[in-house]
C-alpha cells in the first residue's frame, strides 16, 4: 500500500526531442520529488497523456513531426491539464498562451525557475 508521500507525488510529463534536455529536466524534477515521464515526440506525448495520466506537461515547441503547438491544440480538446511551454524562441510565447498553455519558460532556464513554474501551475489546478 503506498504511503501518503507517494500518493502526493505529482507526475510530470516532459516532452522534448533533445535527449540531453530530457535527461537534465528529468533528473532535476526527480531530485525535487516529482515522478517524471518523458517523451521524445508529440505523438508519444499524446499517447502517454492517455495511459499515464500526468498531472502536468512540460512541452517543447520545436520538434520534428508534430510540434508542441499542435500537441497543445489536440490536448486542449480533451484536457485541462496544466501545460508549460519550454522554448528558446520567446516569440512563440503569445501564440502558446492563446492556444491554452498555462505558462511559458524561455530556454535556457535554471532548475529553480522551472520548479517555481511547475509548482505554481499545479497549485492552480
N, C-alpha and C. Protein backbone atom coordinates (compact mmCIF):
# COMPACT_ATOMS: atom_id res chain seq x y z
N UNK A 1 0.85 -1.19 0.00
CA UNK A 1 0.00 0.00 0.00
C UNK A 1 0.88 1.25 0.00
N UNK A 2 0.65 2.21 -0.93
CA UNK A 2 1.51 3.38 -0.98
C UNK A 2 1.34 4.25 0.26
N UNK A 3 2.46 4.82 0.71
CA UNK A 3 2.34 5.73 1.84
C UNK A 3 1.87 7.10 1.36
N UNK A 4 1.57 8.00 2.27
CA UNK A 4 0.98 9.28 1.87
C UNK A 4 1.94 10.12 1.02
N UNK A 5 3.25 9.98 1.21
CA UNK A 5 4.21 10.71 0.39
C UNK A 5 4.09 10.29 -1.07
N UNK A 6 3.96 8.99 -1.31
CA UNK A 6 3.86 8.50 -2.68
C UNK A 6 2.56 8.98 -3.33
N UNK A 7 1.49 9.04 -2.57
CA UNK A 7 0.21 9.49 -3.12
C UNK A 7 0.28 10.96 -3.53
N UNK A 8 1.07 11.75 -2.79
CA UNK A 8 1.15 13.18 -3.06
C UNK A 8 2.07 13.52 -4.23
N UNK A 9 2.98 12.61 -4.60
CA UNK A 9 3.92 12.89 -5.67
C UNK A 9 3.18 13.20 -6.97
N UNK A 10 3.53 14.30 -7.56
CA UNK A 10 2.89 14.70 -8.82
C UNK A 10 3.68 14.13 -9.99
N UNK A 11 2.95 13.74 -11.01
CA UNK A 11 3.55 13.13 -12.20
C UNK A 11 3.69 14.19 -13.29
N UNK A 12 4.93 14.39 -13.75
CA UNK A 12 5.24 15.39 -14.77
C UNK A 12 5.63 14.69 -16.06
N UNK A 13 4.97 15.06 -17.15
CA UNK A 13 5.34 14.57 -18.48
C UNK A 13 6.20 15.64 -19.14
N UNK A 14 7.43 15.28 -19.48
CA UNK A 14 8.36 16.21 -20.14
C UNK A 14 8.50 15.77 -21.59
N UNK A 15 8.25 16.71 -22.52
CA UNK A 15 8.26 16.39 -23.94
C UNK A 15 9.29 17.28 -24.65
N UNK A 16 10.32 16.64 -25.20
CA UNK A 16 11.37 17.36 -25.94
C UNK A 16 12.06 16.34 -26.84
N UNK A 17 12.44 16.75 -28.04
CA UNK A 17 13.11 15.82 -28.94
C UNK A 17 14.62 15.74 -28.67
N UNK A 18 15.14 16.60 -27.81
CA UNK A 18 16.57 16.58 -27.47
C UNK A 18 16.78 15.75 -26.21
N UNK A 19 17.43 14.60 -26.38
CA UNK A 19 17.63 13.67 -25.28
C UNK A 19 18.38 14.29 -24.11
N UNK A 20 19.38 15.11 -24.38
CA UNK A 20 20.16 15.73 -23.31
C UNK A 20 19.27 16.63 -22.44
N UNK A 21 18.39 17.38 -23.07
CA UNK A 21 17.48 18.26 -22.32
C UNK A 21 16.52 17.42 -21.49
N UNK A 22 15.98 16.34 -22.08
CA UNK A 22 15.09 15.45 -21.33
C UNK A 22 15.78 14.92 -20.08
N UNK A 23 17.04 14.49 -20.23
CA UNK A 23 17.78 13.94 -19.08
C UNK A 23 17.99 14.96 -17.98
N UNK A 24 18.35 16.18 -18.37
CA UNK A 24 18.60 17.24 -17.38
C UNK A 24 17.31 17.57 -16.62
N UNK A 25 16.22 17.77 -17.35
CA UNK A 25 14.95 18.11 -16.71
C UNK A 25 14.45 16.94 -15.86
N UNK A 26 14.56 15.74 -16.38
CA UNK A 26 14.14 14.54 -15.65
C UNK A 26 14.87 14.46 -14.31
N UNK A 27 16.19 14.57 -14.34
CA UNK A 27 16.99 14.49 -13.11
C UNK A 27 16.62 15.60 -12.13
N UNK A 28 16.51 16.82 -12.63
CA UNK A 28 16.18 17.96 -11.76
C UNK A 28 14.84 17.77 -11.07
N UNK A 29 13.82 17.38 -11.84
CA UNK A 29 12.48 17.22 -11.27
C UNK A 29 12.41 16.04 -10.29
N UNK A 30 13.12 14.96 -10.59
CA UNK A 30 13.15 13.82 -9.66
C UNK A 30 13.78 14.23 -8.33
N UNK A 31 14.85 15.02 -8.40
CA UNK A 31 15.50 15.49 -7.18
C UNK A 31 14.57 16.40 -6.37
N UNK A 32 13.63 17.04 -7.03
CA UNK A 32 12.66 17.90 -6.36
C UNK A 32 11.44 17.12 -5.86
N UNK A 33 11.41 15.81 -6.12
CA UNK A 33 10.34 14.98 -5.58
C UNK A 33 9.20 14.65 -6.52
N UNK A 34 9.36 14.96 -7.80
CA UNK A 34 8.31 14.64 -8.78
C UNK A 34 8.56 13.28 -9.41
N UNK A 35 7.48 12.62 -9.84
CA UNK A 35 7.59 11.45 -10.71
C UNK A 35 7.66 12.01 -12.12
N UNK A 36 8.56 11.49 -12.94
CA UNK A 36 8.76 12.05 -14.27
C UNK A 36 8.58 10.98 -15.35
N UNK A 37 7.87 11.36 -16.39
CA UNK A 37 7.71 10.54 -17.59
C UNK A 37 8.24 11.40 -18.73
N UNK A 38 8.95 10.80 -19.68
CA UNK A 38 9.47 11.60 -20.78
C UNK A 38 8.98 11.07 -22.12
N UNK A 39 8.89 11.98 -23.08
CA UNK A 39 8.51 11.63 -24.45
C UNK A 39 9.39 12.44 -25.39
N UNK A 40 9.80 11.80 -26.49
CA UNK A 40 10.65 12.47 -27.45
C UNK A 40 9.91 13.02 -28.65
N UNK A 41 8.58 12.85 -28.67
CA UNK A 41 7.79 13.36 -29.80
C UNK A 41 6.39 13.74 -29.32
N UNK A 42 5.73 14.57 -30.12
CA UNK A 42 4.37 14.98 -29.80
C UNK A 42 3.40 13.81 -29.79
N UNK A 43 3.57 12.91 -30.77
CA UNK A 43 2.69 11.75 -30.87
C UNK A 43 2.81 10.88 -29.61
N UNK A 44 4.05 10.63 -29.17
CA UNK A 44 4.26 9.84 -27.94
C UNK A 44 3.67 10.55 -26.73
N UNK A 45 3.80 11.87 -26.69
CA UNK A 45 3.27 12.65 -25.56
C UNK A 45 1.76 12.46 -25.43
N UNK A 46 1.06 12.54 -26.55
CA UNK A 46 -0.40 12.39 -26.51
C UNK A 46 -0.80 10.99 -26.06
N UNK A 47 -0.05 9.97 -26.50
CA UNK A 47 -0.33 8.60 -26.05
C UNK A 47 -0.12 8.49 -24.54
N UNK A 48 0.99 9.07 -24.04
CA UNK A 48 1.30 8.99 -22.61
C UNK A 48 0.26 9.74 -21.77
N UNK A 49 -0.32 10.79 -22.32
CA UNK A 49 -1.38 11.51 -21.59
C UNK A 49 -2.54 10.56 -21.32
N UNK A 50 -2.85 9.72 -22.28
CA UNK A 50 -3.95 8.76 -22.12
C UNK A 50 -3.61 7.64 -21.14
N UNK A 51 -2.41 7.09 -21.27
CA UNK A 51 -2.06 5.90 -20.48
C UNK A 51 -1.51 6.21 -19.09
N UNK A 52 -0.76 7.30 -18.96
CA UNK A 52 -0.07 7.59 -17.69
C UNK A 52 -0.75 8.65 -16.83
N UNK A 53 -1.69 9.39 -17.38
CA UNK A 53 -2.45 10.41 -16.65
C UNK A 53 -1.54 11.36 -15.85
N UNK A 54 -0.63 12.08 -16.54
CA UNK A 54 0.23 13.02 -15.81
C UNK A 54 -0.57 14.17 -15.21
N UNK A 55 0.01 14.81 -14.20
CA UNK A 55 -0.63 15.96 -13.57
C UNK A 55 -0.33 17.26 -14.31
N UNK A 56 0.80 17.27 -15.03
CA UNK A 56 1.24 18.47 -15.73
C UNK A 56 2.17 18.06 -16.87
N UNK A 57 2.22 18.89 -17.92
CA UNK A 57 3.12 18.62 -19.05
C UNK A 57 4.05 19.81 -19.26
N UNK A 58 5.33 19.50 -19.48
CA UNK A 58 6.32 20.49 -19.90
C UNK A 58 6.60 20.17 -21.36
N UNK A 59 6.33 21.11 -22.24
CA UNK A 59 6.27 20.82 -23.67
C UNK A 59 7.14 21.76 -24.50
N UNK A 60 8.09 21.17 -25.23
CA UNK A 60 8.90 21.93 -26.17
C UNK A 60 8.06 22.23 -27.41
N UNK A 61 8.33 23.35 -28.07
CA UNK A 61 7.56 23.68 -29.27
C UNK A 61 8.17 23.04 -30.52
N UNK A 62 9.45 23.25 -30.72
CA UNK A 62 10.07 22.84 -31.99
C UNK A 62 10.55 21.40 -31.93
N UNK A 63 9.72 20.52 -32.53
CA UNK A 63 10.04 19.09 -32.62
C UNK A 63 9.66 18.63 -34.02
N UNK A 64 10.39 17.64 -34.54
CA UNK A 64 10.02 17.12 -35.87
C UNK A 64 8.66 16.41 -35.81
N UNK A 65 8.00 16.32 -36.95
CA UNK A 65 6.68 15.69 -36.98
C UNK A 65 5.66 16.64 -36.40
N UNK A 66 5.06 16.25 -35.31
CA UNK A 66 4.05 17.08 -34.64
C UNK A 66 4.74 18.02 -33.66
N UNK A 67 4.61 19.33 -33.89
CA UNK A 67 5.27 20.26 -32.97
C UNK A 67 4.43 20.48 -31.70
N UNK A 68 5.03 21.18 -30.75
CA UNK A 68 4.37 21.38 -29.46
C UNK A 68 3.06 22.14 -29.53
N UNK A 69 2.95 23.07 -30.48
CA UNK A 69 1.70 23.82 -30.60
C UNK A 69 0.57 22.92 -31.08
N UNK A 70 0.89 21.99 -31.98
CA UNK A 70 -0.13 21.02 -32.43
C UNK A 70 -0.55 20.11 -31.28
N UNK A 71 0.44 19.67 -30.49
CA UNK A 71 0.15 18.82 -29.33
C UNK A 71 -0.79 19.58 -28.39
N UNK A 72 -0.48 20.83 -28.14
CA UNK A 72 -1.29 21.66 -27.23
C UNK A 72 -2.72 21.80 -27.75
N UNK A 73 -2.88 22.06 -29.04
CA UNK A 73 -4.22 22.19 -29.61
C UNK A 73 -5.03 20.90 -29.45
N UNK A 74 -4.42 19.77 -29.73
CA UNK A 74 -5.11 18.48 -29.61
C UNK A 74 -5.44 18.19 -28.15
N UNK A 75 -4.47 18.43 -27.28
CA UNK A 75 -4.67 18.17 -25.85
C UNK A 75 -5.82 19.02 -25.29
N UNK A 76 -5.89 20.27 -25.68
CA UNK A 76 -6.91 21.18 -25.15
C UNK A 76 -8.32 20.79 -25.56
N UNK A 77 -8.46 19.97 -26.59
CA UNK A 77 -9.79 19.49 -26.99
C UNK A 77 -10.36 18.50 -25.98
N UNK A 78 -9.46 17.89 -25.17
CA UNK A 78 -9.96 16.88 -24.23
C UNK A 78 -9.42 16.98 -22.82
N UNK A 79 -8.54 17.94 -22.54
CA UNK A 79 -7.93 18.00 -21.21
C UNK A 79 -7.62 19.43 -20.77
N UNK A 80 -7.77 19.65 -19.48
CA UNK A 80 -7.41 20.94 -18.89
C UNK A 80 -6.09 20.83 -18.11
N UNK A 81 -5.36 19.72 -18.30
CA UNK A 81 -4.10 19.52 -17.61
C UNK A 81 -3.19 20.74 -17.83
N UNK A 82 -2.54 21.22 -16.75
CA UNK A 82 -1.62 22.35 -16.94
C UNK A 82 -0.49 21.99 -17.91
N UNK A 83 -0.19 22.94 -18.81
CA UNK A 83 0.89 22.76 -19.78
C UNK A 83 1.79 23.99 -19.71
N UNK A 84 3.07 23.73 -19.51
CA UNK A 84 4.07 24.79 -19.53
C UNK A 84 4.92 24.58 -20.78
N UNK A 85 4.97 25.60 -21.61
CA UNK A 85 5.77 25.53 -22.84
C UNK A 85 7.21 25.89 -22.51
N UNK A 86 8.13 25.09 -23.04
CA UNK A 86 9.56 25.35 -22.92
C UNK A 86 10.08 25.65 -24.32
N UNK A 87 10.67 26.83 -24.52
CA UNK A 87 11.15 27.14 -25.86
C UNK A 87 12.25 28.18 -25.82
N UNK A 88 13.21 28.02 -26.73
CA UNK A 88 14.27 29.02 -26.89
C UNK A 88 13.75 30.22 -27.69
N UNK A 89 12.60 30.07 -28.33
CA UNK A 89 12.04 31.12 -29.17
C UNK A 89 10.93 31.84 -28.40
N UNK A 90 11.30 32.95 -27.75
CA UNK A 90 10.31 33.64 -26.92
C UNK A 90 9.21 34.31 -27.74
N UNK A 91 9.39 34.42 -29.07
CA UNK A 91 8.32 35.00 -29.89
C UNK A 91 7.12 34.05 -29.99
N UNK A 92 7.30 32.80 -29.57
CA UNK A 92 6.19 31.82 -29.58
C UNK A 92 5.31 31.94 -28.34
N UNK A 93 5.71 32.76 -27.40
CA UNK A 93 5.01 32.86 -26.12
C UNK A 93 3.53 33.21 -26.30
N UNK A 94 3.25 34.26 -27.05
CA UNK A 94 1.87 34.73 -27.20
C UNK A 94 0.96 33.69 -27.83
N UNK A 95 1.42 33.06 -28.91
CA UNK A 95 0.58 32.06 -29.57
C UNK A 95 0.36 30.86 -28.65
N UNK A 96 1.39 30.46 -27.91
CA UNK A 96 1.26 29.31 -27.00
C UNK A 96 0.22 29.62 -25.92
N UNK A 97 0.26 30.81 -25.36
CA UNK A 97 -0.70 31.19 -24.32
C UNK A 97 -2.11 31.30 -24.91
N UNK A 98 -2.20 31.81 -26.12
CA UNK A 98 -3.51 31.92 -26.78
C UNK A 98 -4.11 30.54 -27.06
N UNK A 99 -3.26 29.56 -27.34
CA UNK A 99 -3.73 28.19 -27.61
C UNK A 99 -4.06 27.41 -26.33
N UNK A 100 -3.79 28.02 -25.17
CA UNK A 100 -4.18 27.36 -23.93
C UNK A 100 -3.06 26.93 -23.01
N UNK A 101 -1.82 27.30 -23.32
CA UNK A 101 -0.72 26.99 -22.40
C UNK A 101 -0.94 27.76 -21.10
N UNK A 102 -0.55 27.17 -19.99
CA UNK A 102 -0.70 27.82 -18.69
C UNK A 102 0.46 28.76 -18.40
N UNK A 103 1.62 28.46 -18.97
CA UNK A 103 2.80 29.29 -18.72
C UNK A 103 3.82 29.02 -19.82
N UNK A 104 4.87 29.83 -19.81
CA UNK A 104 5.93 29.74 -20.82
C UNK A 104 7.25 29.95 -20.12
N UNK A 105 8.22 29.08 -20.38
CA UNK A 105 9.56 29.23 -19.82
C UNK A 105 10.55 29.28 -20.97
N UNK A 106 11.32 30.36 -21.02
CA UNK A 106 12.32 30.51 -22.07
C UNK A 106 13.57 29.70 -21.75
N UNK A 107 14.06 28.97 -22.75
CA UNK A 107 15.32 28.24 -22.60
C UNK A 107 16.45 29.23 -22.87
N UNK A 108 17.55 29.16 -22.18
CA UNK A 108 17.85 28.26 -21.06
C UNK A 108 17.20 28.75 -19.77
N UNK A 109 16.98 27.84 -18.85
CA UNK A 109 16.38 28.18 -17.56
C UNK A 109 17.11 27.39 -16.48
N UNK A 110 16.93 27.81 -15.24
CA UNK A 110 17.55 27.09 -14.13
C UNK A 110 16.53 26.10 -13.56
N UNK A 111 16.99 25.06 -12.87
CA UNK A 111 16.05 24.13 -12.23
C UNK A 111 15.12 24.85 -11.26
N UNK A 112 15.64 25.87 -10.58
CA UNK A 112 14.81 26.62 -9.62
C UNK A 112 13.68 27.36 -10.33
N UNK A 113 13.98 27.97 -11.48
CA UNK A 113 12.93 28.66 -12.25
C UNK A 113 11.85 27.67 -12.67
N UNK A 114 12.29 26.52 -13.14
CA UNK A 114 11.35 25.51 -13.61
C UNK A 114 10.48 25.01 -12.46
N UNK A 115 11.10 24.74 -11.32
CA UNK A 115 10.35 24.23 -10.17
C UNK A 115 9.30 25.23 -9.71
N UNK A 116 9.62 26.52 -9.71
CA UNK A 116 8.64 27.56 -9.33
C UNK A 116 7.44 27.53 -10.26
N UNK A 117 7.71 27.44 -11.58
CA UNK A 117 6.63 27.44 -12.56
C UNK A 117 5.77 26.18 -12.42
N UNK A 118 6.41 25.02 -12.23
CA UNK A 118 5.67 23.77 -12.10
C UNK A 118 4.80 23.80 -10.85
N UNK A 119 5.37 24.20 -9.73
CA UNK A 119 4.59 24.18 -8.50
C UNK A 119 3.46 25.22 -8.56
N UNK A 120 3.68 26.37 -9.18
CA UNK A 120 2.61 27.38 -9.31
C UNK A 120 1.48 26.83 -10.20
N UNK A 121 1.82 26.18 -11.30
CA UNK A 121 0.79 25.65 -12.21
C UNK A 121 0.00 24.54 -11.52
N UNK A 122 0.67 23.70 -10.73
CA UNK A 122 -0.03 22.61 -10.05
C UNK A 122 -0.94 23.14 -8.93
N UNK A 123 -0.55 24.25 -8.30
CA UNK A 123 -1.40 24.84 -7.26
C UNK A 123 -2.69 25.37 -7.83
N UNK A 124 -2.64 25.90 -9.06
CA UNK A 124 -3.83 26.45 -9.72
C UNK A 124 -4.79 25.36 -10.16
N UNK A 125 -4.26 24.15 -10.36
CA UNK A 125 -5.03 23.03 -10.92
C UNK A 125 -6.26 22.71 -10.11
